[in-house]
Amino acid sequence: MKAVRIYEKGAIDNIKIEDIPKPTITPNQVLVKVKACGINPVDWKSTIHGYFEMPYTVGTDIAGIIEAVGTDVHDYKVGDAVIGSLEWAKQGAFAEYVATETKYIALKPKNLNFQEAAAVPLAALTAWQGLFDKLSLKKGHKILIQAAAGGVGLFAVQYAKWTGAFVVGVASPKNEAFLKSVEVDAIIDYKTADFSKITADFDAVFDSMASSELTIPLLKKGGNYVSITAKPSEELAQKHGVTATNFLFHSDAEQLKTIAYLIEQGHVKVFIDKQFPLSEAKDALAYQHQGHSKGKNILIVD
């Protein structure tokens, strides 16, 4: 089978598309024929910085069809269409087939095609865990969401609106009309805004841009800040009387099932920026590296 592999860190150009053996499954695993993969920032960052033990197959997010089930698997069957974010330490998504435990997958939302479905797992889970597990977002809260038009940001925006929060998105002016279409209440132009002059009346900040120095001061006392990148300053958080933390998402099948339900009910939509065939994985990661996507980028495997 074809797989996107990397043997040495340092550059996106180090990845190779190779023929490797089709995986075999253990009794508690399923074999998934991959149809599409979601591309995330970690995919290009890991090729440069070497986050994972090499060599490995790049990628975390999959959408595909179960082709075989292990003898101990009883909650899925051959033919089920699934999505998932694979075991973090092993990666392995950018391939024609993957073997995975069922705790990393959920049934694909029925109203999405495989390309759309592949955009969901990591980004949707990151936004969910940030807003609800870390920020405890509730109806009536006012939240600032950095990179609101990005892959994670768009899920965060939609969850926040579904919850009944007042949403302020930080984004480029070119995305203003798009963000208003997903009901963002107010937009801050990250290029021109003077954050020091913004009223400090936010209950929550969801930060994907390592901007704690700018955004923690915008919280009211008792507010909550979370970063999905850099660790925030504890001193700054104490100064402003707020709670501040950062986190790395974890794959969670139950949360993914809830997200899939919200998608099927029309509460959450998926937005695709660009799609690439597996053979153009280098170009896909280079495009992701530019960091100006409106929604998610996808690798089409099948």
C-alpha atoms as a PDB file:
ATOM      1  CA  MET A   1       0.000   0.000   0.000  1.00  0.00           C
ATOM      2  CA  LYS A   2       1.022   3.640  -0.446  1.00  0.00           C
ATOM      3  CA  ALA A   3       1.989   5.637   2.638  1.00  0.00           C
ATOM      4  CA  VAL A   4       3.545   9.029   3.383  1.00  0.00           C
ATOM      5  CA  ARG A   5       6.686   8.275   5.394  1.00  0.00           C
ATOM      6  CA  ILE A   6       9.436  10.292   7.030  1.00  0.00           C
ATOM      7  CA  TYR A   7      12.829   9.050   8.216  1.00  0.00           C
ATOM      8  CA  GLU A   8      14.618  12.241   9.255  1.00  0.00           C
ATOM      9  CA  LYS A   9      13.374  15.539  10.659  1.00  0.00           C
ATOM     10  CA  GLY A  10      14.319  18.934   9.298  1.00  0.00           C
ATOM     11  CA  ALA A  11      12.079  19.702   6.330  1.00  0.00           C
ATOM     12  CA  ILE A  12       8.741  18.948   4.716  1.00  0.00           C
ATOM     13  CA  ASP A  13      10.719  17.819   1.661  1.00  0.00           C
ATOM     14  CA  ASN A  14      11.993  14.875   3.719  1.00  0.00           C
ATOM     15  CA  ILE A  15       8.713  12.997   3.373  1.00  0.00           C
ATOM     16  CA  LYS A  16       8.498  10.131   0.892  1.00  0.00           C
ATOM     17  CA  ILE A  17       5.573   8.284  -0.632  1.00  0.00           C
ATOM     18  CA  GLU A  18       6.445   4.607  -0.413  1.00  0.00           C
ATOM     19  CA  ASP A  19       4.994   1.148  -0.796  1.00  0.00           C
ATOM     20  CA  ILE A  20       4.828  -0.546   2.603  1.00  0.00           C
ATOM     21  CA  PRO A  21       3.054  -3.722   3.767  1.00  0.00           C
ATOM     22  CA  LYS A  22      -0.661  -3.508   4.453  1.00  0.00           C
ATOM     23  CA  PRO A  23      -1.119  -3.610   8.249  1.00  0.00           C
ATOM     24  CA  THR A  24      -2.412  -6.638  10.091  1.00  0.00           C
ATOM     25  CA  ILE A  25      -4.803  -6.233  13.006  1.00  0.00           C
ATOM     26  CA  THR A  26      -4.775  -7.523  16.562  1.00  0.00           C
ATOM     27  CA  PRO A  27      -7.958  -8.926  18.172  1.00  0.00           C
ATOM     28  CA  ASN A  28      -8.970  -5.471  19.507  1.00  0.00           C
ATOM     29  CA  GLN A  29      -8.371  -3.548  16.282  1.00  0.00           C
ATOM     30  CA  VAL A  30     -10.128  -2.790  13.008  1.00  0.00           C
ATOM     31  CA  LEU A  31      -8.593  -2.384   9.561  1.00  0.00           C
ATOM     32  CA  VAL A  32      -9.761   0.787   7.829  1.00  0.00           C
ATOM     33  CA  LYS A  33      -9.494   1.421   4.106  1.00  0.00           C
ATOM     34  CA  VAL A  34      -8.726   5.134   4.167  1.00  0.00           C
ATOM     35  CA  LYS A  35     -10.674   7.409   1.832  1.00  0.00           C
ATOM     36  CA  ALA A  36      -9.385  10.786   3.026  1.00  0.00           C
ATOM     37  CA  CYS A  37      -7.169  12.344   5.700  1.00  0.00           C
ATOM     38  CA  GLY A  38      -7.419  15.644   7.515  1.00  0.00           C
ATOM     39  CA  ILE A  39      -4.257  17.766   7.466  1.00  0.00           C
ATOM     40  CA  ASN A  40      -3.311  19.483  10.721  1.00  0.00           C
ATOM     41  CA  PRO A  41      -0.482  21.858  11.699  1.00  0.00           C
ATOM     42  CA  VAL A  42       1.212  19.073  13.651  1.00  0.00           C
ATOM     43  CA  ASP A  43       1.680  17.160  10.403  1.00  0.00           C
ATOM     44  CA  TRP A  44       4.104  19.697   8.950  1.00  0.00           C
ATOM     45  CA  LYS A  45       5.555  20.723  12.310  1.00  0.00           C
ATOM     46  CA  SER A  46       6.529  17.146  13.103  1.00  0.00           C
ATOM     47  CA  THR A  47       8.430  16.789   9.819  1.00  0.00           C
ATOM     48  CA  ILE A  48      10.542  19.805  10.763  1.00  0.00           C
ATOM     49  CA  HIS A  49      10.886  19.403  14.525  1.00  0.00           C
ATOM     50  CA  GLY A  50      10.683  15.625  14.913  1.00  0.00           C
ATOM     51  CA  TYR A  51       7.952  15.243  17.531  1.00  0.00           C
ATOM     52  CA  PHE A  52       7.533  11.500  16.954  1.00  0.00           C
ATOM     53  CA  GLU A  53       9.860   8.508  16.867  1.00  0.00           C
ATOM     54  CA  MET A  54      11.140   7.986  13.344  1.00  0.00           C
ATOM     55  CA  PRO A  55      10.561   6.505  10.912  1.00  0.00           C
ATOM     56  CA  TYR A  56       6.783   6.797  10.910  1.00  0.00           C
ATOM     57  CA  THR A  57       3.814   7.320   8.639  1.00  0.00           C
ATOM     58  CA  VAL A  58       2.673  10.952   8.852  1.00  0.00           C
ATOM     59  CA  GLY A  59      -0.812  12.003   9.877  1.00  0.00           C
ATOM     60  CA  THR A  60      -3.474  11.650  12.547  1.00  0.00           C
ATOM     61  CA  ASP A  61      -6.966  12.064  11.047  1.00  0.00           C
ATOM     62  CA  ILE A  62      -8.789   9.523   8.884  1.00  0.00           C
ATOM     63  CA  ALA A  63     -12.125   8.861   7.254  1.00  0.00           C
ATOM     64  CA  GLY A  64     -12.735   5.507   5.642  1.00  0.00           C
ATOM     65  CA  ILE A  65     -14.491   2.149   5.610  1.00  0.00           C
ATOM     66  CA  ILE A  66     -13.825  -0.777   7.922  1.00  0.00           C
ATOM     67  CA  GLU A  67     -12.503  -3.700   5.914  1.00  0.00           C
ATOM     68  CA  ALA A  68     -11.804  -6.157   8.737  1.00  0.00           C
ATOM     69  CA  VAL A  69     -12.513  -6.429  12.472  1.00  0.00           C
ATOM     70  CA  GLY A  70     -10.592  -8.219  15.198  1.00  0.00           C
ATOM     71  CA  THR A  71     -12.144 -11.073  17.122  1.00  0.00           C
ATOM     72  CA  ASP A  72     -12.608  -8.928  20.236  1.00  0.00           C
ATOM     73  CA  VAL A  73     -14.347  -6.070  18.421  1.00  0.00           C
ATOM     74  CA  HIS A  74     -18.128  -6.080  18.802  1.00  0.00           C
ATOM     75  CA  ASP A  75     -19.176  -2.439  18.366  1.00  0.00           C
ATOM     76  CA  TYR A  76     -18.143  -2.096  14.711  1.00  0.00           C
ATOM     77  CA  LYS A  77     -18.560  -4.271  11.643  1.00  0.00           C
ATOM     78  CA  VAL A  78     -17.130  -4.616   8.160  1.00  0.00           C
ATOM     79  CA  GLY A  79     -18.532  -1.891   5.931  1.00  0.00           C
ATOM     80  CA  ASP A  80     -18.982   0.731   8.631  1.00  0.00           C
ATOM     81  CA  ALA A  81     -17.929   4.220   7.545  1.00  0.00           C
ATOM     82  CA  VAL A  82     -15.817   5.760  10.310  1.00  0.00           C
ATOM     83  CA  ILE A  83     -13.746   8.769  11.281  1.00  0.00           C
ATOM     84  CA  GLY A  84     -10.980   8.969  13.819  1.00  0.00           C
ATOM     85  CA  SER A  85      -7.869  10.562  15.208  1.00  0.00           C
ATOM     86  CA  LEU A  86      -5.292   7.820  15.602  1.00  0.00           C
ATOM     87  CA  GLU A  87      -3.040   7.036  18.554  1.00  0.00           C
ATOM     88  CA  TRP A  88      -0.980  10.206  19.002  1.00  0.00           C
ATOM     89  CA  ALA A  89       2.417   8.660  19.606  1.00  0.00           C
ATOM     90  CA  LYS A  90       2.210   6.395  16.556  1.00  0.00           C
ATOM     91  CA  GLN A  91       0.467   8.670  13.984  1.00  0.00           C
ATOM     92  CA  GLY A  92       0.014   6.690  10.732  1.00  0.00           C
ATOM     93  CA  ALA A  93      -2.980   8.247   8.967  1.00  0.00           C
ATOM     94  CA  PHE A  94      -1.543   9.191   5.572  1.00  0.00           C
ATOM     95  CA  ALA A  95      -1.807   5.719   4.085  1.00  0.00           C
ATOM     96  CA  GLU A  96      -4.194   3.572   2.080  1.00  0.00           C
ATOM     97  CA  TYR A  97      -4.949   1.405   5.125  1.00  0.00           C
ATOM     98  CA  VAL A  98      -4.634   1.829   8.883  1.00  0.00           C
ATOM     99  CA  ALA A  99      -5.060  -0.542  11.812  1.00  0.00           C
ATOM    100  CA  THR A 100      -6.539   1.107  14.886  1.00  0.00           C
ATOM    101  CA  GLU A 101      -8.237   0.375  18.183  1.00  0.00           C
ATOM    102  CA  THR A 102     -11.890   1.381  18.294  1.00  0.00           C
ATOM    103  CA  LYS A 103     -11.316   3.881  21.132  1.00  0.00           C
ATOM    104  CA  TYR A 104      -9.929   6.226  18.491  1.00  0.00           C
ATOM    105  CA  ILE A 105     -12.855   6.116  16.048  1.00  0.00           C
ATOM    106  CA  ALA A 106     -16.558   6.909  15.670  1.00  0.00           C
ATOM    107  CA  LEU A 107     -19.122   6.394  12.933  1.00  0.00           C
ATOM    108  CA  LYS A 108     -18.890   8.974  10.155  1.00  0.00           C
ATOM    109  CA  PRO A 109     -21.622  11.629  10.197  1.00  0.00           C
ATOM    110  CA  LYS A 110     -24.170  10.469   7.637  1.00  0.00           C
ATOM    111  CA  ASN A 111     -24.518  13.887   6.017  1.00  0.00           C
ATOM    112  CA  LEU A 112     -20.802  14.267   5.226  1.00  0.00           C
ATOM    113  CA  ASN A 113     -18.775  12.762   2.410  1.00  0.00           C
ATOM    114  CA  PHE A 114     -15.420  11.218   3.274  1.00  0.00           C
ATOM    115  CA  GLN A 115     -13.446  14.357   2.439  1.00  0.00           C
ATOM    116  CA  GLU A 116     -15.609  16.479   4.715  1.00  0.00           C
ATOM    117  CA  ALA A 117     -15.576  13.839   7.427  1.00  0.00           C
ATOM    118  CA  ALA A 118     -11.771  13.661   7.420  1.00  0.00           C
ATOM    119  CA  ALA A 119     -11.717  17.335   8.412  1.00  0.00           C
ATOM    120  CA  VAL A 120     -13.451  16.642  11.705  1.00  0.00           C
ATOM    121  CA  PRO A 121     -11.491  14.616  14.294  1.00  0.00           C
ATOM    122  CA  LEU A 122      -8.453  16.486  15.638  1.00  0.00           C
ATOM    123  CA  ALA A 123      -9.694  20.020  14.999  1.00  0.00           C
ATOM    124  CA  ALA A 124     -13.196  19.337  16.286  1.00  0.00           C
ATOM    125  CA  LEU A 125     -11.923  17.552  19.391  1.00  0.00           C
ATOM    126  CA  THR A 126      -9.382  20.284  20.123  1.00  0.00           C
ATOM    127  CA  ALA A 127     -12.096  22.932  19.992  1.00  0.00           C
ATOM    128  CA  TRP A 128     -14.498  20.821  22.082  1.00  0.00           C
ATOM    129  CA  GLN A 129     -11.973  20.079  24.806  1.00  0.00           C
ATOM    130  CA  GLY A 130     -10.758  23.666  24.874  1.00  0.00           C
ATOM    131  CA  LEU A 131     -14.187  25.244  25.176  1.00  0.00           C
ATOM    132  CA  PHE A 132     -15.892  22.759  27.453  1.00  0.00           C
ATOM    133  CA  ASP A 133     -13.233  20.813  29.357  1.00  0.00           C
ATOM    134  CA  LYS A 134     -10.890  23.774  29.933  1.00  0.00           C
ATOM    135  CA  LEU A 135     -12.928  26.977  29.622  1.00  0.00           C
ATOM    136  CA  SER A 136     -16.250  25.592  30.944  1.00  0.00           C
ATOM    137  CA  LEU A 137     -18.031  27.783  28.392  1.00  0.00           C
ATOM    138  CA  LYS A 138     -21.697  28.470  29.133  1.00  0.00           C
ATOM    139  CA  LYS A 139     -24.650  30.320  27.687  1.00  0.00           C
ATOM    140  CA  GLY A 140     -24.229  34.066  28.067  1.00  0.00           C
ATOM    141  CA  HIS A 141     -20.438  33.987  28.256  1.00  0.00           C
ATOM    142  CA  LYS A 142     -18.406  36.320  26.059  1.00  0.00           C
ATOM    143  CA  ILE A 143     -15.523  34.526  24.354  1.00  0.00           C
ATOM    144  CA  LEU A 144     -12.606  35.668  22.220  1.00  0.00           C
ATOM    145  CA  ILE A 145     -11.505  33.094  19.629  1.00  0.00           C
ATOM    146  CA  GLN A 146      -8.142  33.532  17.926  1.00  0.00           C
ATOM    147  CA  ALA A 147      -7.752  32.440  14.257  1.00  0.00           C
ATOM    148  CA  ALA A 148     -11.522  32.147  14.081  1.00  0.00           C
ATOM    149  CA  ALA A 149     -11.519  31.230  10.378  1.00  0.00           C
ATOM    150  CA  GLY A 150      -8.995  28.413  10.776  1.00  0.00           C
ATOM    151  CA  GLY A 151      -9.644  24.701  11.082  1.00  0.00           C
ATOM    152  CA  VAL A 152      -9.910  24.625  14.878  1.00  0.00           C
ATOM    153  CA  GLY A 153     -11.300  28.144  15.139  1.00  0.00           C
ATOM    154  CA  LEU A 154     -14.348  27.422  12.994  1.00  0.00           C
ATOM    155  CA  PHE A 155     -15.340  24.487  15.175  1.00  0.00           C
ATOM    156  CA  ALA A 156     -14.810  26.627  18.278  1.00  0.00           C
ATOM    157  CA  VAL A 157     -16.976  29.396  16.829  1.00  0.00           C
ATOM    158  CA  GLN A 158     -19.814  27.014  16.058  1.00  0.00           C
ATOM    159  CA  TYR A 159     -19.716  25.267  19.429  1.00  0.00           C
ATOM    160  CA  ALA A 160     -19.739  28.621  21.170  1.00  0.00           C
ATOM    161  CA  LYS A 161     -22.749  29.823  19.186  1.00  0.00           C
ATOM    162  CA  TRP A 162     -24.544  26.503  19.799  1.00  0.00           C
ATOM    163  CA  THR A 163     -23.895  27.006  23.517  1.00  0.00           C
ATOM    164  CA  GLY A 164     -25.349  30.511  23.433  1.00  0.00           C
ATOM    165  CA  ALA A 165     -22.158  32.507  23.949  1.00  0.00           C
ATOM    166  CA  PHE A 166     -21.322  35.924  22.500  1.00  0.00           C
ATOM    167  CA  VAL A 167     -18.471  35.264  20.081  1.00  0.00           C
ATOM    168  CA  VAL A 168     -15.720  37.674  19.073  1.00  0.00           C
ATOM    169  CA  GLY A 169     -13.428  36.285  16.398  1.00  0.00           C
ATOM    170  CA  VAL A 170      -9.894  37.455  15.650  1.00  0.00           C
ATOM    171  CA  ALA A 171      -9.187  37.112  11.942  1.00  0.00           C
ATOM    172  CA  SER A 172      -8.115  38.752   8.716  1.00  0.00           C
ATOM    173  CA  PRO A 173     -10.515  41.315   7.191  1.00  0.00           C
ATOM    174  CA  LYS A 174     -10.848  39.098   4.104  1.00  0.00           C
ATOM    175  CA  ASN A 175     -12.678  36.568   6.283  1.00  0.00           C
ATOM    176  CA  GLU A 176     -15.146  39.022   7.808  1.00  0.00           C
ATOM    177  CA  ALA A 177     -18.106  38.139   5.568  1.00  0.00           C
ATOM    178  CA  PHE A 178     -17.404  34.434   5.925  1.00  0.00           C
ATOM    179  CA  LEU A 179     -17.289  34.621   9.726  1.00  0.00           C
ATOM    180  CA  LYS A 180     -20.505  36.632   9.833  1.00  0.00           C
ATOM    181  CA  SER A 181     -22.110  33.822   7.820  1.00  0.00           C
ATOM    182  CA  VAL A 182     -21.385  31.479  10.738  1.00  0.00           C
ATOM    183  CA  GLU A 183     -22.865  34.056  13.133  1.00  0.00           C
ATOM    184  CA  VAL A 184     -19.728  35.482  14.733  1.00  0.00           C
ATOM    185  CA  ASP A 185     -21.010  38.473  16.703  1.00  0.00           C
ATOM    186  CA  ALA A 186     -17.968  40.730  16.290  1.00  0.00           C
ATOM    187  CA  ILE A 187     -14.646  40.549  14.478  1.00  0.00           C
ATOM    188  CA  ILE A 188     -11.247  41.941  15.418  1.00  0.00           C
ATOM    189  CA  ASP A 189      -8.737  42.566  12.624  1.00  0.00           C
ATOM    190  CA  TYR A 190      -5.546  40.977  13.918  1.00  0.00           C
ATOM    191  CA  LYS A 191      -3.428  43.163  11.612  1.00  0.00           C
ATOM    192  CA  THR A 192      -4.609  46.542  12.870  1.00  0.00           C
ATOM    193  CA  ALA A 193      -6.241  46.046  16.267  1.00  0.00           C
ATOM    194  CA  ASP A 194      -4.804  47.716  19.351  1.00  0.00           C
ATOM    195  CA  PHE A 195      -5.538  45.050  21.948  1.00  0.00           C
ATOM    196  CA  SER A 196      -4.611  47.446  24.758  1.00  0.00           C
ATOM    197  CA  LYS A 197      -7.719  49.495  23.954  1.00  0.00           C
ATOM    198  CA  ILE A 198     -10.186  46.581  23.928  1.00  0.00           C
ATOM    199  CA  THR A 199     -12.476  46.418  26.960  1.00  0.00           C
ATOM    200  CA  ALA A 200     -11.510  43.692  29.410  1.00  0.00           C
ATOM    201  CA  ASP A 201     -14.936  42.073  29.642  1.00  0.00           C
ATOM    202  CA  PHE A 202     -14.367  38.577  28.277  1.00  0.00           C
ATOM    203  CA  ASP A 203     -15.263  35.467  30.244  1.00  0.00           C
ATOM    204  CA  ALA A 204     -13.062  33.228  28.100  1.00  0.00           C
ATOM    205  CA  VAL A 205     -10.229  33.307  25.574  1.00  0.00           C
ATOM    206  CA  PHE A 206      -9.504  30.410  23.207  1.00  0.00           C
ATOM    207  CA  ASP A 207      -6.015  31.018  21.845  1.00  0.00           C
ATOM    208  CA  SER A 208      -4.349  29.165  18.979  1.00  0.00           C
ATOM    209  CA  MET A 209      -1.801  31.897  18.228  1.00  0.00           C
ATOM    210  CA  ALA A 210       0.323  32.042  21.413  1.00  0.00           C
ATOM    211  CA  SER A 211      -0.999  35.524  22.102  1.00  0.00           C
ATOM    212  CA  SER A 212      -1.379  35.355  25.886  1.00  0.00           C
ATOM    213  CA  GLU A 213       0.416  38.679  26.435  1.00  0.00           C
ATOM    214  CA  LEU A 214      -2.253  40.390  24.329  1.00  0.00           C
ATOM    215  CA  THR A 215      -5.343  38.394  25.246  1.00  0.00           C
ATOM    216  CA  ILE A 216      -5.092  37.490  28.948  1.00  0.00           C
ATOM    217  CA  PRO A 217      -5.507  41.212  29.830  1.00  0.00           C
ATOM    218  CA  LEU A 218      -8.847  41.163  27.978  1.00  0.00           C
ATOM    219  CA  LEU A 219     -10.392  38.805  30.537  1.00  0.00           C
ATOM    220  CA  LYS A 220     -12.541  39.999  33.399  1.00  0.00           C
ATOM    221  CA  LYS A 221     -11.443  38.842  36.854  1.00  0.00           C
ATOM    222  CA  GLY A 222     -12.234  35.162  37.291  1.00  0.00           C
ATOM    223  CA  GLY A 223     -12.115  34.585  33.534  1.00  0.00           C
ATOM    224  CA  ASN A 224     -10.508  31.613  31.835  1.00  0.00           C
ATOM    225  CA  TYR A 225      -7.807  31.461  29.174  1.00  0.00           C
ATOM    226  CA  VAL A 226      -6.648  28.386  27.269  1.00  0.00           C
ATOM    227  CA  SER A 227      -3.939  27.996  24.651  1.00  0.00           C
ATOM    228  CA  ILE A 228      -3.557  25.080  22.269  1.00  0.00           C
ATOM    229  CA  THR A 229       0.049  26.109  21.631  1.00  0.00           C
ATOM    230  CA  ALA A 230       2.407  27.859  24.066  1.00  0.00           C
ATOM    231  CA  LYS A 231       2.142  27.727  27.839  1.00  0.00           C
ATOM    232  CA  PRO A 232       0.830  31.058  29.151  1.00  0.00           C
ATOM    233  CA  SER A 233       2.539  33.215  31.742  1.00  0.00           C
ATOM    234  CA  GLU A 234       1.441  32.274  35.271  1.00  0.00           C
ATOM    235  CA  GLU A 235       2.590  35.673  36.497  1.00  0.00           C
ATOM    236  CA  LEU A 236       0.387  37.457  33.959  1.00  0.00           C
ATOM    237  CA  ALA A 237      -2.595  35.275  34.849  1.00  0.00           C
ATOM    238  CA  GLN A 238      -2.166  36.016  38.572  1.00  0.00           C
ATOM    239  CA  LYS A 239      -1.812  39.720  37.865  1.00  0.00           C
ATOM    240  CA  HIS A 240      -5.191  39.792  36.130  1.00  0.00           C
ATOM    241  CA  GLY A 241      -6.911  37.357  38.480  1.00  0.00           C
ATOM    242  CA  VAL A 242      -7.681  34.749  35.832  1.00  0.00           C
ATOM    243  CA  THR A 243      -7.061  31.072  35.192  1.00  0.00           C
ATOM    244  CA  ALA A 244      -4.710  30.276  32.313  1.00  0.00           C
ATOM    245  CA  THR A 245      -3.500  26.963  30.921  1.00  0.00           C
ATOM    246  CA  ASN A 246      -2.559  25.168  27.727  1.00  0.00           C
ATOM    247  CA  PHE A 247      -3.278  21.639  26.590  1.00  0.00           C
ATOM    248  CA  LEU A 248      -2.814  19.049  23.882  1.00  0.00           C
ATOM    249  CA  PHE A 249      -5.972  17.415  22.605  1.00  0.00           C
ATOM    250  CA  HIS A 250      -6.553  13.715  23.168  1.00  0.00           C
ATOM    251  CA  SER A 251      -8.505  11.358  20.966  1.00  0.00           C
ATOM    252  CA  ASP A 252     -11.874  10.625  22.570  1.00  0.00           C
ATOM    253  CA  ALA A 253     -14.417   8.419  20.808  1.00  0.00           C
ATOM    254  CA  GLU A 254     -17.339   9.485  22.999  1.00  0.00           C
ATOM    255  CA  GLN A 255     -16.736  13.178  22.390  1.00  0.00           C
ATOM    256  CA  LEU A 256     -16.316  12.435  18.687  1.00  0.00           C
ATOM    257  CA  LYS A 257     -19.704  10.704  18.677  1.00  0.00           C
ATOM    258  CA  THR A 258     -21.293  13.780  20.253  1.00  0.00           C
ATOM    259  CA  ILE A 259     -19.665  16.003  17.636  1.00  0.00           C
ATOM    260  CA  ALA A 260     -20.878  13.708  14.849  1.00  0.00           C
ATOM    261  CA  TYR A 261     -24.418  14.009  16.244  1.00  0.00           C
ATOM    262  CA  LEU A 262     -24.210  17.820  16.242  1.00  0.00           C
ATOM    263  CA  ILE A 263     -23.035  17.711  12.629  1.00  0.00           C
ATOM    264  CA  GLU A 264     -25.898  15.426  11.616  1.00  0.00           C
ATOM    265  CA  GLN A 265     -28.377  17.729  13.368  1.00  0.00           C
ATOM    266  CA  GLY A 266     -27.034  20.733  11.463  1.00  0.00           C
ATOM    267  CA  HIS A 267     -25.609  22.560  14.477  1.00  0.00           C
ATOM    268  CA  VAL A 268     -22.032  22.291  13.177  1.00  0.00           C
ATOM    269  CA  LYS A 269     -20.828  22.580   9.594  1.00  0.00           C
ATOM    270  CA  VAL A 270     -17.524  21.515   8.054  1.00  0.00           C
ATOM    271  CA  PHE A 271     -15.560  23.873   5.828  1.00  0.00           C
ATOM    272  CA  ILE A 272     -12.916  22.662   3.379  1.00  0.00           C
ATOM    273  CA  ASP A 273     -10.262  25.045   2.103  1.00  0.00           C
ATOM    274  CA  LYS A 274      -8.293  22.853  -0.312  1.00  0.00           C
ATOM    275  CA  GLN A 275      -7.942  19.191  -1.277  1.00  0.00           C
ATOM    276  CA  PHE A 276      -4.851  17.336  -2.493  1.00  0.00           C
ATOM    277  CA  PRO A 277      -4.280  13.789  -3.755  1.00  0.00           C
ATOM    278  CA  LEU A 278      -2.023  11.604  -1.628  1.00  0.00           C
ATOM    279  CA  SER A 279       0.656  11.886  -4.319  1.00  0.00           C
ATOM    280  CA  GLU A 280       0.897  15.634  -3.584  1.00  0.00           C
ATOM    281  CA  ALA A 281       1.438  15.274   0.165  1.00  0.00           C
ATOM    282  CA  LYS A 282       4.489  17.566   0.112  1.00  0.00           C
ATOM    283  CA  ASP A 283       2.519  20.343  -1.554  1.00  0.00           C
ATOM    284  CA  ALA A 284      -0.334  19.797   0.888  1.00  0.00           C
ATOM    285  CA  LEU A 285       1.895  20.155   3.940  1.00  0.00           C
ATOM    286  CA  ALA A 286       3.631  23.185   2.447  1.00  0.00           C
ATOM    287  CA  TYR A 287       0.234  24.807   1.871  1.00  0.00           C
ATOM    288  CA  GLN A 288      -0.837  24.012   5.434  1.00  0.00           C
ATOM    289  CA  HIS A 289       2.438  25.546   6.624  1.00  0.00           C
ATOM    290  CA  GLN A 290       1.427  28.911   5.128  1.00  0.00           C
ATOM    291  CA  GLY A 291      -1.242  29.152   7.821  1.00  0.00           C
ATOM    292  CA  HIS A 292      -3.900  31.095   5.949  1.00  0.00           C
ATOM    293  CA  SER A 293      -6.466  28.379   5.323  1.00  0.00           C
ATOM    294  CA  LYS A 294     -10.191  29.115   5.655  1.00  0.00           C
ATOM    295  CA  GLY A 295     -11.293  25.825   7.131  1.00  0.00           C
ATOM    296  CA  LYS A 296      -9.509  22.505   6.723  1.00  0.00           C
ATOM    297  CA  ASN A 297      -7.180  21.016   4.136  1.00  0.00           C
ATOM    298  CA  ILE A 298      -7.594  17.407   3.039  1.00  0.00           C
ATOM    299  CA  LEU A 299      -5.609  14.570   1.473  1.00  0.00           C
ATOM    300  CA  ILE A 300      -7.675  12.363  -0.820  1.00  0.00           C
ATOM    301  CA  VAL A 301      -6.399   8.812  -0.523  1.00  0.00           C
ATOM    302  CA  ASP A 302      -8.896   6.782  -2.521  1.00  0.00           C
END
